């Protein structure tokens, strides 16, 4: 059995952290959808359905992350895709935030949480990219 280099395991750890964060969001959104829908200024059944939809999107989102996690060096394209997706999240959420009219304090706070979450993911995935390209 081949010995896998330390940098591969370190990259896997960084990717795994981002995957775990996303899976945590899936579980939290599925189990507590009513709690989170007001953060998006949604209520009732439509709000709960939208939050469940977000959970599905999180699952869809992490597919390339899982491929990269398997072997980040062999699956560099998936790692780059994950980094690109994470970056699109930060940029898109930031554009949404800056386009919000005044008075949407709760929605503003929700977007800031997503931006922080995704920005941390960008840093972790960029670290993984750097590790597998050394």
N, C-alpha and C. Protein backbone atom coordinates (compact mmCIF):
# COMPACT_ATOMS: atom_id res chain seq x y z
N UNK A 1 0.84 -1.18 0.00
CA UNK A 1 0.00 0.00 0.00
C UNK A 1 0.89 1.25 0.00
N UNK A 2 0.57 2.18 -0.89
CA UNK A 2 1.36 3.40 -0.98
C UNK A 2 1.10 4.31 0.21
N UNK A 3 2.15 4.91 0.65
CA UNK A 3 2.03 5.88 1.73
C UNK A 3 1.59 7.22 1.13
N UNK A 4 0.51 7.77 1.66
CA UNK A 4 0.01 9.05 1.17
C UNK A 4 0.70 10.17 1.93
N UNK A 5 1.19 11.13 1.19
CA UNK A 5 1.96 12.22 1.78
C UNK A 5 1.12 13.06 2.74
N UNK A 6 1.84 13.67 3.67
CA UNK A 6 1.20 14.51 4.68
C UNK A 6 0.36 15.62 4.04
N UNK A 7 0.86 16.24 2.98
CA UNK A 7 0.14 17.37 2.38
C UNK A 7 -1.21 16.93 1.81
N UNK A 8 -1.32 15.68 1.38
CA UNK A 8 -2.61 15.18 0.89
C UNK A 8 -3.59 15.06 2.05
N UNK A 9 -3.11 14.54 3.17
CA UNK A 9 -3.98 14.41 4.35
C UNK A 9 -4.37 15.78 4.90
N UNK A 10 -3.44 16.73 4.86
CA UNK A 10 -3.76 18.08 5.33
C UNK A 10 -4.80 18.72 4.42
N UNK A 11 -4.67 18.52 3.11
CA UNK A 11 -5.67 19.05 2.16
C UNK A 11 -7.03 18.39 2.41
N UNK A 12 -7.02 17.08 2.64
CA UNK A 12 -8.27 16.38 2.94
C UNK A 12 -8.94 16.95 4.18
N UNK A 13 -8.15 17.23 5.18
CA UNK A 13 -8.70 17.80 6.42
C UNK A 13 -9.38 19.13 6.15
N UNK A 14 -8.73 19.99 5.38
CA UNK A 14 -9.33 21.29 5.07
C UNK A 14 -10.63 21.14 4.27
N UNK A 15 -10.63 20.23 3.31
CA UNK A 15 -11.83 19.97 2.52
C UNK A 15 -12.92 19.37 3.41
N UNK A 16 -12.52 18.45 4.28
CA UNK A 16 -13.49 17.80 5.17
C UNK A 16 -14.17 18.81 6.09
N UNK A 17 -13.45 19.81 6.53
CA UNK A 17 -14.04 20.84 7.39
C UNK A 17 -15.16 21.56 6.64
N UNK A 18 -14.90 21.91 5.38
CA UNK A 18 -15.91 22.61 4.58
C UNK A 18 -17.11 21.69 4.32
N UNK A 19 -16.83 20.43 4.01
CA UNK A 19 -17.92 19.46 3.80
C UNK A 19 -18.75 19.33 5.08
N UNK A 20 -18.08 19.23 6.22
CA UNK A 20 -18.80 19.09 7.49
C UNK A 20 -19.68 20.31 7.77
N UNK A 21 -19.15 21.51 7.51
CA UNK A 21 -19.95 22.72 7.70
C UNK A 21 -21.21 22.68 6.84
N UNK A 22 -21.04 22.28 5.59
CA UNK A 22 -22.18 22.22 4.69
C UNK A 22 -23.19 21.17 5.15
N UNK A 23 -22.71 20.01 5.57
CA UNK A 23 -23.62 18.97 6.05
C UNK A 23 -24.32 19.39 7.33
N UNK A 24 -23.63 20.13 8.17
CA UNK A 24 -24.27 20.65 9.37
C UNK A 24 -25.42 21.58 9.00
N UNK A 25 -25.20 22.42 8.00
CA UNK A 25 -26.27 23.31 7.54
C UNK A 25 -27.45 22.51 7.00
N UNK A 26 -27.15 21.44 6.28
CA UNK A 26 -28.22 20.58 5.77
C UNK A 26 -29.08 20.08 6.92
N UNK A 27 -28.44 19.50 7.92
CA UNK A 27 -29.18 18.94 9.05
C UNK A 27 -29.95 20.00 9.82
N UNK A 28 -29.29 21.12 10.08
CA UNK A 28 -29.94 22.18 10.84
C UNK A 28 -31.13 22.74 10.07
N UNK A 29 -30.96 22.94 8.77
CA UNK A 29 -32.06 23.49 7.97
C UNK A 29 -33.21 22.49 7.85
N UNK A 30 -32.89 21.21 7.75
CA UNK A 30 -33.96 20.21 7.65
C UNK A 30 -34.70 20.03 8.97
N UNK A 31 -33.95 20.02 10.06
CA UNK A 31 -34.55 19.74 11.36
C UNK A 31 -35.20 20.96 12.01
N UNK A 32 -34.73 22.14 11.66
CA UNK A 32 -35.23 23.37 12.31
C UNK A 32 -35.69 24.40 11.30
N UNK A 33 -36.30 23.95 10.24
CA UNK A 33 -36.64 24.86 9.14
C UNK A 33 -37.49 26.05 9.58
N UNK A 34 -38.37 25.83 10.52
CA UNK A 34 -39.22 26.93 11.00
C UNK A 34 -38.45 27.99 11.74
N UNK A 35 -37.35 27.60 12.36
CA UNK A 35 -36.52 28.55 13.10
C UNK A 35 -35.76 29.46 12.14
N UNK A 36 -35.37 28.93 10.99
CA UNK A 36 -34.51 29.68 10.08
C UNK A 36 -35.27 30.47 9.02
N UNK A 37 -36.50 30.10 8.74
CA UNK A 37 -37.22 30.81 7.68
C UNK A 37 -37.41 32.31 7.97
N UNK A 38 -37.63 32.74 9.22
CA UNK A 38 -37.74 34.18 9.46
C UNK A 38 -36.45 34.94 9.13
N UNK A 39 -35.30 34.27 9.21
CA UNK A 39 -34.03 34.91 8.87
C UNK A 39 -33.94 35.28 7.40
N UNK A 40 -34.80 34.69 6.60
CA UNK A 40 -34.87 35.00 5.17
C UNK A 40 -36.13 35.81 4.86
N UNK A 41 -36.76 36.31 5.92
CA UNK A 41 -38.01 37.06 5.82
C UNK A 41 -39.10 36.24 5.15
N UNK A 42 -39.12 34.95 5.49
CA UNK A 42 -40.13 34.02 4.99
C UNK A 42 -40.88 33.44 6.18
N UNK A 43 -42.14 33.14 5.99
CA UNK A 43 -42.94 32.59 7.09
C UNK A 43 -43.79 31.43 6.61
N UNK A 44 -44.29 30.69 7.58
CA UNK A 44 -45.25 29.62 7.32
C UNK A 44 -44.70 28.51 6.45
N UNK A 45 -45.61 27.85 5.75
CA UNK A 45 -45.25 26.72 4.90
C UNK A 45 -44.31 27.13 3.77
N UNK A 46 -44.53 28.27 3.10
CA UNK A 46 -43.57 28.67 2.06
C UNK A 46 -42.15 28.87 2.61
N UNK A 47 -42.05 29.44 3.80
CA UNK A 47 -40.74 29.65 4.41
C UNK A 47 -40.05 28.34 4.74
N UNK A 48 -40.81 27.42 5.32
CA UNK A 48 -40.25 26.11 5.66
C UNK A 48 -39.82 25.36 4.40
N UNK A 49 -40.62 25.46 3.35
CA UNK A 49 -40.26 24.79 2.08
C UNK A 49 -39.00 25.41 1.49
N UNK A 50 -38.88 26.73 1.56
CA UNK A 50 -37.68 27.39 1.03
C UNK A 50 -36.44 26.95 1.79
N UNK A 51 -36.52 26.86 3.11
CA UNK A 51 -35.36 26.43 3.90
C UNK A 51 -35.01 24.98 3.59
N UNK A 52 -36.01 24.11 3.40
CA UNK A 52 -35.72 22.73 2.97
C UNK A 52 -35.04 22.74 1.62
N UNK A 53 -35.48 23.64 0.74
CA UNK A 53 -34.83 23.78 -0.57
C UNK A 53 -33.38 24.19 -0.44
N UNK A 54 -33.08 25.08 0.51
CA UNK A 54 -31.70 25.45 0.76
C UNK A 54 -30.88 24.23 1.17
N UNK A 55 -31.48 23.37 2.00
CA UNK A 55 -30.79 22.15 2.44
C UNK A 55 -30.45 21.27 1.24
N UNK A 56 -31.39 21.13 0.31
CA UNK A 56 -31.13 20.34 -0.89
C UNK A 56 -29.99 20.97 -1.70
N UNK A 57 -30.00 22.29 -1.80
CA UNK A 57 -28.92 22.97 -2.52
C UNK A 57 -27.56 22.73 -1.87
N UNK A 58 -27.53 22.71 -0.55
CA UNK A 58 -26.27 22.42 0.15
C UNK A 58 -25.76 21.02 -0.21
N UNK A 59 -26.67 20.05 -0.30
CA UNK A 59 -26.26 18.69 -0.67
C UNK A 59 -25.73 18.68 -2.10
N UNK A 60 -26.45 19.34 -3.00
CA UNK A 60 -25.98 19.41 -4.40
C UNK A 60 -24.61 20.09 -4.47
N UNK A 61 -24.45 21.11 -3.68
CA UNK A 61 -23.25 21.94 -3.68
C UNK A 61 -22.01 21.13 -3.35
N UNK A 62 -22.10 20.16 -2.45
CA UNK A 62 -20.89 19.50 -1.95
C UNK A 62 -20.43 18.31 -2.79
N UNK A 63 -21.10 17.98 -3.88
CA UNK A 63 -20.68 16.82 -4.67
C UNK A 63 -19.22 16.94 -5.13
N UNK A 64 -18.80 18.04 -5.76
CA UNK A 64 -17.38 18.11 -6.15
C UNK A 64 -16.44 18.13 -4.95
N UNK A 65 -16.91 18.64 -3.82
CA UNK A 65 -16.09 18.65 -2.61
C UNK A 65 -15.79 17.20 -2.18
N UNK A 66 -16.81 16.35 -2.28
CA UNK A 66 -16.63 14.95 -1.90
C UNK A 66 -15.65 14.24 -2.84
N UNK A 67 -15.73 14.55 -4.12
CA UNK A 67 -14.80 13.96 -5.09
C UNK A 67 -13.37 14.43 -4.77
N UNK A 68 -13.23 15.72 -4.48
CA UNK A 68 -11.91 16.25 -4.13
C UNK A 68 -11.40 15.63 -2.82
N UNK A 69 -12.31 15.42 -1.89
CA UNK A 69 -11.93 14.84 -0.60
C UNK A 69 -11.35 13.44 -0.77
N UNK A 70 -11.89 12.67 -1.71
CA UNK A 70 -11.42 11.30 -1.94
C UNK A 70 -9.92 11.29 -2.19
N UNK A 71 -9.45 12.10 -3.12
CA UNK A 71 -8.01 12.26 -3.36
C UNK A 71 -7.78 13.62 -4.01
N UNK A 72 -7.47 14.62 -3.20
CA UNK A 72 -7.37 15.99 -3.71
C UNK A 72 -6.35 16.18 -4.82
N UNK A 73 -5.29 15.41 -4.79
CA UNK A 73 -4.28 15.60 -5.83
C UNK A 73 -4.73 14.98 -7.16
N UNK A 74 -5.28 13.79 -7.11
CA UNK A 74 -5.78 13.15 -8.33
C UNK A 74 -7.01 13.85 -8.88
N UNK A 75 -7.81 14.40 -7.98
CA UNK A 75 -9.06 15.05 -8.37
C UNK A 75 -8.96 16.57 -8.23
N UNK A 76 -7.85 17.09 -8.73
CA UNK A 76 -7.61 18.54 -8.62
C UNK A 76 -8.71 19.36 -9.29
N UNK A 77 -9.24 18.86 -10.41
CA UNK A 77 -10.29 19.60 -11.09
C UNK A 77 -11.50 19.80 -10.17
N UNK A 78 -11.87 18.76 -9.45
CA UNK A 78 -12.99 18.88 -8.50
C UNK A 78 -12.66 19.85 -7.38
N UNK A 79 -11.42 19.86 -6.96
CA UNK A 79 -11.01 20.80 -5.92
C UNK A 79 -11.11 22.23 -6.43
N UNK A 80 -10.64 22.46 -7.65
CA UNK A 80 -10.76 23.78 -8.26
C UNK A 80 -12.22 24.17 -8.45
N UNK A 81 -13.05 23.21 -8.84
CA UNK A 81 -14.49 23.48 -8.98
C UNK A 81 -15.10 23.88 -7.63
N UNK A 82 -14.73 23.16 -6.59
CA UNK A 82 -15.24 23.48 -5.25
C UNK A 82 -14.81 24.89 -4.84
N UNK A 83 -13.56 25.23 -5.10
CA UNK A 83 -13.07 26.57 -4.77
C UNK A 83 -13.83 27.62 -5.57
N UNK A 84 -14.05 27.36 -6.84
CA UNK A 84 -14.80 28.31 -7.67
C UNK A 84 -16.23 28.47 -7.16
N UNK A 85 -16.88 27.36 -6.82
CA UNK A 85 -18.25 27.41 -6.31
C UNK A 85 -18.32 28.20 -5.01
N UNK A 86 -17.36 27.98 -4.14
CA UNK A 86 -17.33 28.66 -2.85
C UNK A 86 -17.12 30.16 -3.07
N UNK A 87 -16.26 30.51 -4.02
CA UNK A 87 -16.00 31.91 -4.32
C UNK A 87 -17.23 32.58 -4.92
N UNK A 88 -17.92 31.87 -5.81
CA UNK A 88 -19.16 32.40 -6.39
C UNK A 88 -20.16 32.67 -5.26
N UNK A 89 -20.20 31.77 -4.28
CA UNK A 89 -21.09 31.99 -3.14
C UNK A 89 -20.79 33.30 -2.42
N UNK A 90 -19.53 33.54 -2.12
CA UNK A 90 -19.15 34.77 -1.41
C UNK A 90 -19.47 36.01 -2.24
N UNK A 91 -19.12 35.98 -3.51
CA UNK A 91 -19.37 37.14 -4.38
C UNK A 91 -20.87 37.36 -4.56
N UNK A 92 -21.60 36.29 -4.86
CA UNK A 92 -23.04 36.42 -5.07
C UNK A 92 -23.77 36.91 -3.84
N UNK A 93 -23.44 36.32 -2.69
CA UNK A 93 -24.08 36.74 -1.44
C UNK A 93 -23.74 38.19 -1.11
N UNK A 94 -22.51 38.60 -1.41
CA UNK A 94 -22.10 39.98 -1.17
C UNK A 94 -22.88 40.95 -2.06
N UNK A 95 -23.07 40.57 -3.32
CA UNK A 95 -23.85 41.41 -4.23
C UNK A 95 -25.30 41.52 -3.77
N UNK A 96 -25.84 40.42 -3.30
CA UNK A 96 -27.21 40.46 -2.76
C UNK A 96 -27.27 41.38 -1.55
N UNK A 97 -26.30 41.25 -0.66
CA UNK A 97 -26.26 42.07 0.54
C UNK A 97 -26.21 43.55 0.19
N UNK A 98 -25.33 43.92 -0.73
CA UNK A 98 -25.17 45.33 -1.07
C UNK A 98 -26.35 45.89 -1.85
N UNK A 99 -27.16 45.01 -2.42
CA UNK A 99 -28.33 45.49 -3.17
C UNK A 99 -29.59 45.59 -2.31
N UNK A 100 -29.50 45.14 -1.06
CA UNK A 100 -30.68 45.19 -0.18
C UNK A 100 -31.01 46.63 0.20
N UNK A 101 -32.28 46.99 0.12
CA UNK A 101 -32.66 48.31 0.63
C UNK A 101 -32.59 48.33 2.16
N UNK A 102 -32.51 49.50 2.70
CA UNK A 102 -32.46 49.66 4.16
C UNK A 102 -33.72 49.07 4.78
N UNK A 103 -33.57 48.63 6.02
CA UNK A 103 -34.73 48.15 6.76
C UNK A 103 -34.86 46.64 6.83
N UNK A 104 -33.98 45.92 6.20
CA UNK A 104 -34.04 44.45 6.23
C UNK A 104 -32.92 43.92 7.14
N UNK A 105 -33.00 44.27 8.39
CA UNK A 105 -31.95 43.98 9.36
C UNK A 105 -31.72 42.47 9.52
N UNK A 106 -32.78 41.70 9.63
CA UNK A 106 -32.65 40.26 9.85
C UNK A 106 -32.06 39.59 8.61
N UNK A 107 -32.54 39.97 7.45
CA UNK A 107 -32.01 39.42 6.20
C UNK A 107 -30.55 39.82 6.02
N UNK A 108 -30.21 41.04 6.37
CA UNK A 108 -28.83 41.53 6.32
C UNK A 108 -27.94 40.65 7.19
N UNK A 109 -28.38 40.38 8.40
CA UNK A 109 -27.60 39.54 9.32
C UNK A 109 -27.45 38.12 8.79
N UNK A 110 -28.51 37.57 8.20
CA UNK A 110 -28.44 36.22 7.62
C UNK A 110 -27.41 36.17 6.50
N UNK A 111 -27.44 37.17 5.64
CA UNK A 111 -26.47 37.21 4.54
C UNK A 111 -25.04 37.34 5.05
N UNK A 112 -24.84 38.15 6.09
CA UNK A 112 -23.50 38.28 6.67
C UNK A 112 -22.99 36.94 7.20
N UNK A 113 -23.89 36.15 7.80
CA UNK A 113 -23.49 34.82 8.29
C UNK A 113 -23.08 33.93 7.12
N UNK A 114 -23.86 33.94 6.04
CA UNK A 114 -23.51 33.12 4.88
C UNK A 114 -22.18 33.58 4.27
N UNK A 115 -21.98 34.87 4.18
CA UNK A 115 -20.74 35.39 3.61
C UNK A 115 -19.55 34.96 4.47
N UNK A 116 -19.68 35.08 5.77
CA UNK A 116 -18.60 34.66 6.68
C UNK A 116 -18.31 33.17 6.55
N UNK A 117 -19.36 32.40 6.53
CA UNK A 117 -19.27 30.93 6.39
C UNK A 117 -18.56 30.57 5.08
N UNK A 118 -19.02 31.17 3.99
CA UNK A 118 -18.45 30.85 2.69
C UNK A 118 -17.03 31.39 2.53
N UNK A 119 -16.75 32.56 3.11
CA UNK A 119 -15.39 33.10 3.05
C UNK A 119 -14.41 32.19 3.79
N UNK A 120 -14.82 31.67 4.92
CA UNK A 120 -13.97 30.71 5.64
C UNK A 120 -13.74 29.47 4.78
N UNK A 121 -14.77 29.04 4.06
CA UNK A 121 -14.63 27.91 3.14
C UNK A 121 -13.66 28.20 2.01
N UNK A 122 -13.69 29.43 1.48
CA UNK A 122 -12.74 29.82 0.43
C UNK A 122 -11.32 29.70 0.95
N UNK A 123 -11.09 30.21 2.15
CA UNK A 123 -9.74 30.14 2.74
C UNK A 123 -9.30 28.69 2.91
N UNK A 124 -10.18 27.84 3.43
CA UNK A 124 -9.84 26.43 3.64
C UNK A 124 -9.56 25.73 2.31
N UNK A 125 -10.41 25.96 1.32
CA UNK A 125 -10.21 25.29 0.02
C UNK A 125 -9.00 25.84 -0.70
N UNK A 126 -8.72 27.12 -0.56
CA UNK A 126 -7.50 27.69 -1.14
C UNK A 126 -6.27 27.06 -0.49
N UNK A 127 -6.35 26.84 0.80
CA UNK A 127 -5.27 26.13 1.49
C UNK A 127 -5.08 24.73 0.95
N UNK A 128 -6.19 24.04 0.68
CA UNK A 128 -6.12 22.69 0.12
C UNK A 128 -5.50 22.71 -1.28
N UNK A 129 -5.90 23.69 -2.08
CA UNK A 129 -5.33 23.84 -3.44
C UNK A 129 -3.82 24.03 -3.35
N UNK A 130 -3.40 24.92 -2.48
CA UNK A 130 -1.96 25.19 -2.33
C UNK A 130 -1.21 23.94 -1.86
N UNK A 131 -1.81 23.18 -0.98
CA UNK A 131 -1.16 21.97 -0.47
C UNK A 131 -0.97 20.92 -1.57
N UNK A 132 -1.94 20.75 -2.44
CA UNK A 132 -1.82 19.70 -3.45
C UNK A 132 -1.03 20.15 -4.68
N UNK A 133 -0.73 21.43 -4.75
CA UNK A 133 0.05 21.93 -5.88
C UNK A 133 1.49 22.25 -5.49
N UNK A 134 1.92 21.73 -4.35
CA UNK A 134 3.31 21.98 -3.93
C UNK A 134 4.17 20.79 -4.24
